[in-house]
C-alpha atoms as a PDB file:
ATOM      1  CA  MET A   1     119.218  91.267  61.461  1.00  0.00           C
ATOM      2  CA  GLN A   2     119.673  89.614  57.777  1.00  0.00           C
ATOM      3  CA  ARG A   3     118.196  86.587  59.289  1.00  0.00           C
ATOM      4  CA  ASN A   4     115.029  88.390  60.257  1.00  0.00           C
ATOM      5  CA  ARG A   5     114.542  90.032  56.954  1.00  0.00           C
ATOM      6  CA  GLU A   6     115.039  86.348  55.325  1.00  0.00           C
ATOM      7  CA  GLU A   7     112.494  84.898  57.732  1.00  0.00           C
ATOM      8  CA  ALA A   8     109.900  87.742  57.075  1.00  0.00           C
ATOM      9  CA  CYS A   9     110.280  87.565  53.282  1.00  0.00           C
ATOM     10  CA  GLN A  10     109.271  83.670  53.576  1.00  0.00           C
ATOM     11  CA  ILE A  11     106.416  84.179  55.798  1.00  0.00           C
ATOM     12  CA  LEU A  12     104.716  87.224  53.677  1.00  0.00           C
ATOM     13  CA  GLY A  13     106.290  84.871  50.549  1.00  0.00           C
ATOM     14  CA  ILE A  14     108.135  88.021  49.307  1.00  0.00           C
ATOM     15  CA  ASN A  15     111.257  88.343  47.408  1.00  0.00           C
ATOM     16  CA  LEU A  16     113.983  90.139  49.283  1.00  0.00           C
ATOM     17  CA  SER A  17     115.037  93.655  47.492  1.00  0.00           C
ATOM     18  CA  VAL A  18     118.545  93.154  45.660  1.00  0.00           C
ATOM     19  CA  ASN A  19     118.001  96.806  44.786  1.00  0.00           C
ATOM     20  CA  LYS A  20     119.030  98.978  47.656  1.00  0.00           C
ATOM     21  CA  GLU A  21     118.243 102.498  46.351  1.00  0.00           C
ATOM     22  CA  LYS A  22     114.960 102.120  44.846  1.00  0.00           C
ATOM     23  CA  TYR A  23     111.894 100.663  45.742  1.00  0.00           C
ATOM     24  CA  LEU A  24     108.767 100.834  43.104  1.00  0.00           C
ATOM     25  CA  GLY A  25     110.833 102.506  40.459  1.00  0.00           C
ATOM     26  CA  LEU A  26     111.103 105.666  43.238  1.00  0.00           C
ATOM     27  CA  PRO A  27     114.610 106.554  45.363  1.00  0.00           C
ATOM     28  CA  LEU A  28     114.531 105.365  48.678  1.00  0.00           C
ATOM     29  CA  ILE A  29     116.971 108.167  49.878  1.00  0.00           C
ATOM     30  CA  VAL A  30     116.799 111.779  47.952  1.00  0.00           C
ATOM     31  CA  GLY A  31     120.158 113.644  48.502  1.00  0.00           C
ATOM     32  CA  CYS A  32     121.192 117.328  47.473  1.00  0.00           C
ATOM     33  CA  ASN A  33     121.531 115.965  44.056  1.00  0.00           C
ATOM     34  CA  LYS A  34     117.969 115.671  43.189  1.00  0.00           C
ATOM     35  CA  LYS A  35     118.350 116.047  39.396  1.00  0.00           C
ATOM     36  CA  GLY A  36     120.988 113.501  39.673  1.00  0.00           C
ATOM     37  CA  GLU A  37     118.410 110.954  41.591  1.00  0.00           C
ATOM     38  CA  PHE A  38     115.622 111.328  38.877  1.00  0.00           C
ATOM     39  CA  ARG A  39     118.014 111.376  35.350  1.00  0.00           C
ATOM     40  CA  GLU A  40     116.425 108.101  34.792  1.00  0.00           C
ATOM     41  CA  ILE A  41     113.086 110.259  34.238  1.00  0.00           C
ATOM     42  CA  LYS A  42     114.862 112.169  31.281  1.00  0.00           C
ATOM     43  CA  GLU A  43     116.937 109.438  29.853  1.00  0.00           C
ATOM     44  CA  ASN A  44     113.670 107.478  29.452  1.00  0.00           C
ATOM     45  CA  LEU A  45     111.859 110.289  27.921  1.00  0.00           C
ATOM     46  CA  MET A  46     115.199 110.818  25.660  1.00  0.00           C
ATOM     47  CA  LYS A  47     115.066 106.962  24.676  1.00  0.00           C
ATOM     48  CA  LYS A  48     111.363 107.022  23.702  1.00  0.00           C
ATOM     49  CA  VAL A  49     111.733 110.069  21.332  1.00  0.00           C
ATOM     50  CA  SER A  50     114.963 108.944  19.627  1.00  0.00           C
ATOM     51  CA  ASN A  51     112.614 105.941  18.654  1.00  0.00           C
ATOM     52  CA  TRP A  52     109.956 107.992  17.564  1.00  0.00           C
ATOM     53  CA  SER A  53     111.731 110.910  15.928  1.00  0.00           C
ATOM     54  CA  SER A  54     113.114 108.248  13.543  1.00  0.00           C
ATOM     55  CA  ARG A  55     109.508 108.072  12.108  1.00  0.00           C
ATOM     56  CA  MET A  56     107.352 110.750  10.252  1.00  0.00           C
ATOM     57  CA  LEU A  57     104.878 111.649  12.718  1.00  0.00           C
ATOM     58  CA  SER A  58     102.206 113.945  11.730  1.00  0.00           C
ATOM     59  CA  VAL A  59     101.614 116.576  14.550  1.00  0.00           C
ATOM     60  CA  GLY A  60      98.398 114.843  15.784  1.00  0.00           C
ATOM     61  CA  ARG A  61      99.958 112.009  16.372  1.00  0.00           C
ATOM     62  CA  ARG A  62     103.173 114.005  17.915  1.00  0.00           C
ATOM     63  CA  LYS A  63     100.537 115.707  20.407  1.00  0.00           C
ATOM     64  CA  VAL A  64      98.915 112.561  21.300  1.00  0.00           C
ATOM     65  CA  LEU A  65     102.367 110.955  21.803  1.00  0.00           C
ATOM     66  CA  ILE A  66     103.524 113.880  24.041  1.00  0.00           C
ATOM     67  CA  LYS A  67     100.232 113.912  26.194  1.00  0.00           C
ATOM     68  CA  ALA A  68      99.634 110.399  26.360  1.00  0.00           C
ATOM     69  CA  VAL A  69     103.105 109.318  26.837  1.00  0.00           C
ATOM     70  CA  LEU A  70     105.979 111.469  27.619  1.00  0.00           C
ATOM     71  CA  GLN A  71     104.055 113.559  30.108  1.00  0.00           C
ATOM     72  CA  ALA A  72     102.788 110.683  31.925  1.00  0.00           C
ATOM     73  CA  THR A  73     106.159 109.221  32.239  1.00  0.00           C
ATOM     74  CA  PRO A  74     107.113 111.271  35.237  1.00  0.00           C
ATOM     75  CA  MET A  75     103.892 111.660  37.209  1.00  0.00           C
ATOM     76  CA  TYR A  76     104.508 108.564  39.229  1.00  0.00           C
ATOM     77  CA  THR A  77     107.298 110.367  40.593  1.00  0.00           C
ATOM     78  CA  MET A  78     105.619 113.984  41.005  1.00  0.00           C
ATOM     79  CA  TYR A  79     102.961 112.083  43.158  1.00  0.00           C
ATOM     80  CA  CYS A  80     105.440 111.819  46.014  1.00  0.00           C
ATOM     81  CA  PHE A  81     108.493 114.468  45.289  1.00  0.00           C
ATOM     82  CA  LEU A  82     108.830 117.654  44.062  1.00  0.00           C
ATOM     83  CA  LEU A  83     111.195 117.691  41.230  1.00  0.00           C
ATOM     84  CA  PRO A  84     113.291 120.936  40.648  1.00  0.00           C
ATOM     85  CA  ASN A  85     111.823 123.930  38.516  1.00  0.00           C
ATOM     86  CA  SER A  86     115.423 123.218  36.757  1.00  0.00           C
ATOM     87  CA  PHE A  87     114.765 119.611  36.505  1.00  0.00           C
ATOM     88  CA  SER A  88     111.066 120.213  34.824  1.00  0.00           C
ATOM     89  CA  LYS A  89     112.354 122.311  32.326  1.00  0.00           C
ATOM     90  CA  GLU A  90     114.853 120.027  31.000  1.00  0.00           C
ATOM     91  CA  LEU A  91     112.503 117.498  30.727  1.00  0.00           C
ATOM     92  CA  GLU A  92     109.862 120.072  28.789  1.00  0.00           C
ATOM     93  CA  ALA A  93     113.268 120.699  26.593  1.00  0.00           C
ATOM     94  CA  VAL A  94     113.002 117.025  25.816  1.00  0.00           C
ATOM     95  CA  ILE A  95     109.459 117.151  24.666  1.00  0.00           C
ATOM     96  CA  ALA A  96     109.616 120.761  23.037  1.00  0.00           C
ATOM     97  CA  LYS A  97     112.409 119.353  21.132  1.00  0.00           C
ATOM     98  CA  PHE A  98     110.297 116.431  19.968  1.00  0.00           C
ATOM     99  CA  TRP A  99     107.466 118.269  19.122  1.00  0.00           C
ATOM    100  CA  GLY A 100     109.273 120.930  16.874  1.00  0.00           C
ATOM    101  CA  GLN A 101     111.782 118.380  15.182  1.00  0.00           C
ATOM    102  CA  LYS A 102     111.010 116.270  11.783  1.00  0.00           C
ATOM    103  CA  LYS A 103     113.465 113.465  11.871  1.00  0.00           C
ATOM    104  CA  VAL A 104     116.224 112.685  13.704  1.00  0.00           C
ATOM    105  CA  GLY A 105     119.627 115.052  14.193  1.00  0.00           C
ATOM    106  CA  ARG A 106     117.471 117.875  11.670  1.00  0.00           C
ATOM    107  CA  LYS A 107     116.655 120.383  14.058  1.00  0.00           C
ATOM    108  CA  GLY A 108     112.780 121.806  13.807  1.00  0.00           C
ATOM    109  CA  LEU A 109     111.686 124.979  13.800  1.00  0.00           C
ATOM    110  CA  HIS A 110     109.247 126.045  16.841  1.00  0.00           C
ATOM    111  CA  TRP A 111     106.877 128.748  16.011  1.00  0.00           C
ATOM    112  CA  CYS A 112     106.094 129.634  19.347  1.00  0.00           C
ATOM    113  CA  SER A 113     107.544 129.027  22.729  1.00  0.00           C
ATOM    114  CA  TRP A 114     106.844 125.933  25.409  1.00  0.00           C
ATOM    115  CA  ASN A 115     104.938 128.138  27.535  1.00  0.00           C
ATOM    116  CA  LEU A 116     102.456 128.798  24.655  1.00  0.00           C
ATOM    117  CA  LEU A 117     101.889 125.692  23.715  1.00  0.00           C
ATOM    118  CA  CYS A 118     100.498 124.810  27.696  1.00  0.00           C
ATOM    119  CA  ILE A 119      98.229 127.264  27.341  1.00  0.00           C
ATOM    120  CA  SER A 120      94.693 125.495  27.478  1.00  0.00           C
ATOM    121  CA  LYS A 121      93.147 124.571  24.218  1.00  0.00           C
ATOM    122  CA  ASN A 122      90.117 127.513  24.638  1.00  0.00           C
ATOM    123  CA  GLU A 123      92.978 130.382  25.454  1.00  0.00           C
ATOM    124  CA  GLY A 124      94.391 129.231  22.134  1.00  0.00           C
ATOM    125  CA  GLY A 125      96.949 126.940  22.965  1.00  0.00           C
ATOM    126  CA  MET A 126      97.696 122.976  22.643  1.00  0.00           C
ATOM    127  CA  GLY A 127      96.569 122.095  26.182  1.00  0.00           C
ATOM    128  CA  PHE A 128     100.162 120.500  26.920  1.00  0.00           C
ATOM    129  CA  ARG A 129     101.283 120.442  30.976  1.00  0.00           C
ATOM    130  CA  ASP A 130     103.245 122.548  32.561  1.00  0.00           C
ATOM    131  CA  LEU A 131     105.154 120.025  34.414  1.00  0.00           C
ATOM    132  CA  ALA A 132     106.483 122.012  37.374  1.00  0.00           C
ATOM    133  CA  LYS A 133     103.115 123.121  38.090  1.00  0.00           C
ATOM    134  CA  PHE A 134     101.435 119.960  37.569  1.00  0.00           C
ATOM    135  CA  ASN A 135     103.455 118.755  39.648  1.00  0.00           C
ATOM    136  CA  ILE A 136     102.638 120.988  42.914  1.00  0.00           C
ATOM    137  CA  ASP A 137      98.975 120.285  41.356  1.00  0.00           C
ATOM    138  CA  LEU A 138      99.122 116.371  41.960  1.00  0.00           C
ATOM    139  CA  LEU A 139     101.240 116.679  45.328  1.00  0.00           C
ATOM    140  CA  GLU A 140      98.035 119.016  46.517  1.00  0.00           C
ATOM    141  CA  LYS A 141      96.222 115.767  45.364  1.00  0.00           C
ATOM    142  CA  GLN A 142      97.944 113.807  47.551  1.00  0.00           C
ATOM    143  CA  GLY A 143      96.742 116.498  50.558  1.00  0.00           C
ATOM    144  CA  TRP A 144      93.314 116.631  49.385  1.00  0.00           C
ATOM    145  CA  ARG A 145      93.629 112.526  49.737  1.00  0.00           C
ATOM    146  CA  LEU A 146      94.504 112.685  53.208  1.00  0.00           C
ATOM    147  CA  ILE A 147      91.496 115.009  53.756  1.00  0.00           C
ATOM    148  CA  GLU A 148      88.690 112.882  51.998  1.00  0.00           C
ATOM    149  CA  THR A 149      90.002 109.051  53.042  1.00  0.00           C
ATOM    150  CA  PRO A 150      91.091 109.802  56.309  1.00  0.00           C
ATOM    151  CA  ASP A 151      90.691 106.032  57.014  1.00  0.00           C
ATOM    152  CA  SER A 152      92.729 104.860  53.998  1.00  0.00           C
ATOM    153  CA  LEU A 153      96.182 102.960  55.147  1.00  0.00           C
ATOM    154  CA  ILE A 154      98.225 105.980  54.156  1.00  0.00           C
ATOM    155  CA  ALA A 155      96.094 108.516  55.878  1.00  0.00           C
ATOM    156  CA  ARG A 156      96.172 106.307  59.034  1.00  0.00           C
ATOM    157  CA  LEU A 157     100.426 105.745  58.813  1.00  0.00           C
ATOM    158  CA  ILE A 158     100.860 109.449  58.174  1.00  0.00           C
ATOM    159  CA  ARG A 159      98.211 110.654  60.797  1.00  0.00           C
ATOM    160  CA  VAL A 160     100.163 108.447  63.284  1.00  0.00           C
ATOM    161  CA  LYS A 161     103.553 109.467  62.521  1.00  0.00           C
ATOM    162  CA  TYR A 162     103.108 113.172  61.863  1.00  0.00           C
ATOM    163  CA  TYR A 163      99.622 114.351  63.413  1.00  0.00           C
ATOM    164  CA  HIS A 164      98.381 112.284  65.658  1.00  0.00           C
ATOM    165  CA  GLY A 165      94.976 113.525  67.303  1.00  0.00           C
ATOM    166  CA  SER A 166      94.678 116.277  65.157  1.00  0.00           C
ATOM    167  CA  ASN A 167      93.767 116.730  61.068  1.00  0.00           C
ATOM    168  CA  PHE A 168      95.935 117.004  58.043  1.00  0.00           C
ATOM    169  CA  MET A 169      95.153 121.034  57.634  1.00  0.00           C
ATOM    170  CA  GLU A 170      96.352 121.874  61.255  1.00  0.00           C
ATOM    171  CA  ALA A 171      99.233 119.187  61.047  1.00  0.00           C
ATOM    172  CA  PRO A 172     102.399 120.991  62.085  1.00  0.00           C
ATOM    173  CA  LEU A 173     105.666 119.773  60.062  1.00  0.00           C
ATOM    174  CA  GLY A 174     107.253 118.204  62.830  1.00  0.00           C
ATOM    175  CA  LEU A 175     110.931 117.460  63.774  1.00  0.00           C
ATOM    176  CA  ASN A 176     113.009 115.383  61.042  1.00  0.00           C
ATOM    177  CA  PRO A 177     110.158 114.395  58.673  1.00  0.00           C
ATOM    178  CA  SER A 178     110.555 112.843  55.516  1.00  0.00           C
ATOM    179  CA  LEU A 179     110.835 114.254  52.143  1.00  0.00           C
ATOM    180  CA  ILE A 180     107.432 112.991  50.772  1.00  0.00           C
ATOM    181  CA  TRP A 181     105.900 114.630  53.893  1.00  0.00           C
ATOM    182  CA  ARG A 182     107.532 117.652  53.840  1.00  0.00           C
ATOM    183  CA  TYR A 183     106.519 118.129  49.994  1.00  0.00           C
ATOM    184  CA  ILE A 184     102.991 116.928  50.597  1.00  0.00           C
ATOM    185  CA  TRP A 185     103.082 119.290  54.025  1.00  0.00           C
ATOM    186  CA  GLY A 186     104.039 122.377  51.682  1.00  0.00           C
ATOM    187  CA  SER A 187     101.143 121.802  49.130  1.00  0.00           C
ATOM    188  CA  LYS A 188      98.846 122.424  52.187  1.00  0.00           C
ATOM    189  CA  ALA A 189      99.044 126.326  51.604  1.00  0.00           C
ATOM    190  CA  LEU A 190      97.556 125.844  48.357  1.00  0.00           C
ATOM    191  CA  LEU A 191      94.807 123.741  49.479  1.00  0.00           C
ATOM    192  CA  LYS A 192      93.702 125.646  51.819  1.00  0.00           C
ATOM    193  CA  PHE A 193      93.515 128.483  49.405  1.00  0.00           C
ATOM    194  CA  GLY A 194      91.254 126.129  47.078  1.00  0.00           C
ATOM    195  CA  LEU A 195      88.840 124.580  50.076  1.00  0.00           C
ATOM    196  CA  ARG A 196      85.445 126.030  50.575  1.00  0.00           C
END
């Protein structure tokens, strides 16, 4: 088995993976402890925040850092996995703490709740993302891609495995589905609601 892997890697000109737990930064196996599997995301956010907190940043600069970096950090994972709501709240708590604090070690004053800051600018908020809702939106986008580009490589692979001879909207969950398929399939109800 190992010899076959080495031969395939040599033919394809790729390196044999050393880290058997992750592929492209995503966990290969997600067990019952989903928070533990994704804790690296929170650690990355906290590391970034601790580096930035030592600087005096204006409100505008903090807002740009939150939108462009902190809320974009978990996006790749959220395209594939539905993060637990409690974990999304933990990530938002790290971001909210950065938004409110003035210097490292000094608590800032939070003038309003994070939920109010997540309201769009047109409605009086700051336009920050609610990570739990955004996670669902990203999974719906994956479902939409399966509908819109049925000839893409991923759509063809998923079609062969889960809904051969059918389409995404009529696809059953299937027996023993992967976690990623389960999440994309679960977003189908909201996608159906928005289709015309």
